[in-house]
Each structure stands twice: as C-alpha cells, then as structure tokens.
C-alpha cells in the first residue's frame, strides 16, 4: 500500500495543523534523520478519495 507521510518537530504546531487539514493522522514520535519528530501519515488511496490536492 502506498503511503503519504510527513514529519515535523513536535513544537511546530503550524505544520501539524496543515498535516491534519490534509487528512494525515498522527502515528508516533520518531527520530527522523537525527531530529526528534512527530510522524503523520495517510494511505494514498484514502488521500485520493478525499478529493484534496497538493501543489500545482
């Protein structure tokens, strides 16, 4: 299953708010590339069904 993920620093509430608005769900605290982070993800299929779009 394809997955869309995002990571941000725990104190970066603005980025976390964007991830939530895009439909991503918090999964766990991680160390990503040596930086303490929060991990959000959504299945690609679920994102596609949501009708949201990113970029352009």
C-alpha atoms as a PDB file:
ATOM      1  CA  UNK A   1       0.000   0.000   0.000  1.00  0.00           C
ATOM      2  CA  UNK A   2       1.357   3.394  -0.939  1.00  0.00           C
ATOM      3  CA  UNK A   3       1.651   5.810   1.934  1.00  0.00           C
ATOM      4  CA  UNK A   4       1.946   9.583   2.151  1.00  0.00           C
ATOM      5  CA  UNK A   5       3.818  10.715   5.245  1.00  0.00           C
ATOM      6  CA  UNK A   6       5.040  13.898   6.818  1.00  0.00           C
ATOM      7  CA  UNK A   7       7.268  14.639   9.770  1.00  0.00           C
ATOM      8  CA  UNK A   8       7.692  17.818  11.786  1.00  0.00           C
ATOM      9  CA  UNK A   9       9.297  18.879  15.013  1.00  0.00           C
ATOM     10  CA  UNK A  10       7.000  18.373  17.993  1.00  0.00           C
ATOM     11  CA  UNK A  11       6.824  22.118  18.706  1.00  0.00           C
ATOM     12  CA  UNK A  12       5.903  23.007  15.113  1.00  0.00           C
ATOM     13  CA  UNK A  13       2.137  23.227  15.617  1.00  0.00           C
ATOM     14  CA  UNK A  14       1.568  25.091  12.342  1.00  0.00           C
ATOM     15  CA  UNK A  15       2.969  22.220  10.259  1.00  0.00           C
ATOM     16  CA  UNK A  16       0.990  19.712  12.277  1.00  0.00           C
ATOM     17  CA  UNK A  17      -2.200  21.699  11.644  1.00  0.00           C
ATOM     18  CA  UNK A  18      -1.544  21.591   7.881  1.00  0.00           C
ATOM     19  CA  UNK A  19      -0.972  17.822   8.023  1.00  0.00           C
ATOM     20  CA  UNK A  20      -4.261  17.362   9.876  1.00  0.00           C
ATOM     21  CA  UNK A  21      -6.151  19.559   7.385  1.00  0.00           C
ATOM     22  CA  UNK A  22      -4.791  17.364   4.585  1.00  0.00           C
ATOM     23  CA  UNK A  23      -6.194  14.311   6.333  1.00  0.00           C
ATOM     24  CA  UNK A  24      -2.971  12.864   7.725  1.00  0.00           C
ATOM     25  CA  UNK A  25      -3.177  11.148  11.108  1.00  0.00           C
ATOM     26  CA  UNK A  26      -0.596  11.291  13.900  1.00  0.00           C
ATOM     27  CA  UNK A  27       1.062   7.875  14.300  1.00  0.00           C
ATOM     28  CA  UNK A  28       4.013   8.208  16.662  1.00  0.00           C
ATOM     29  CA  UNK A  29       7.008  10.167  17.862  1.00  0.00           C
ATOM     30  CA  UNK A  30      10.130   9.293  15.884  1.00  0.00           C
ATOM     31  CA  UNK A  31      13.704  10.354  15.317  1.00  0.00           C
ATOM     32  CA  UNK A  32      13.776  11.202  11.615  1.00  0.00           C
ATOM     33  CA  UNK A  33      17.176  11.926  10.091  1.00  0.00           C
ATOM     34  CA  UNK A  34      18.529  12.545  13.576  1.00  0.00           C
ATOM     35  CA  UNK A  35      15.793  15.017  14.591  1.00  0.00           C
ATOM     36  CA  UNK A  36      13.076  14.335  17.176  1.00  0.00           C
ATOM     37  CA  UNK A  37       9.835  14.480  15.180  1.00  0.00           C
ATOM     38  CA  UNK A  38       6.165  13.618  15.085  1.00  0.00           C
ATOM     39  CA  UNK A  39       5.080  11.298  12.263  1.00  0.00           C
ATOM     40  CA  UNK A  40       1.782  11.699  10.392  1.00  0.00           C
ATOM     41  CA  UNK A  41       0.545   9.517   7.538  1.00  0.00           C
ATOM     42  CA  UNK A  42      -2.368   8.642   5.270  1.00  0.00           C
ATOM     43  CA  UNK A  43      -2.855   5.823   2.776  1.00  0.00           C
ATOM     44  CA  UNK A  44      -2.526   7.150  -0.786  1.00  0.00           C
ATOM     45  CA  UNK A  45      -5.894   5.649  -1.673  1.00  0.00           C
ATOM     46  CA  UNK A  46      -7.598   7.442   1.234  1.00  0.00           C
ATOM     47  CA  UNK A  47      -5.948  10.727   0.217  1.00  0.00           C
ATOM     48  CA  UNK A  48      -7.091  10.306  -3.380  1.00  0.00           C
ATOM     49  CA  UNK A  49     -10.670   9.594  -2.254  1.00  0.00           C
ATOM     50  CA  UNK A  50     -10.663  12.718  -0.068  1.00  0.00           C
ATOM     51  CA  UNK A  51     -10.612  14.976  -3.115  1.00  0.00           C
ATOM     52  CA  UNK A  52      -7.802  17.070  -1.638  1.00  0.00           C
ATOM     53  CA  UNK A  53      -4.892  18.159  -3.770  1.00  0.00           C
ATOM     54  CA  UNK A  54      -1.397  19.366  -3.035  1.00  0.00           C
ATOM     55  CA  UNK A  55       0.742  21.621  -5.155  1.00  0.00           C
ATOM     56  CA  UNK A  56       0.332  22.975  -8.681  1.00  0.00           C
END
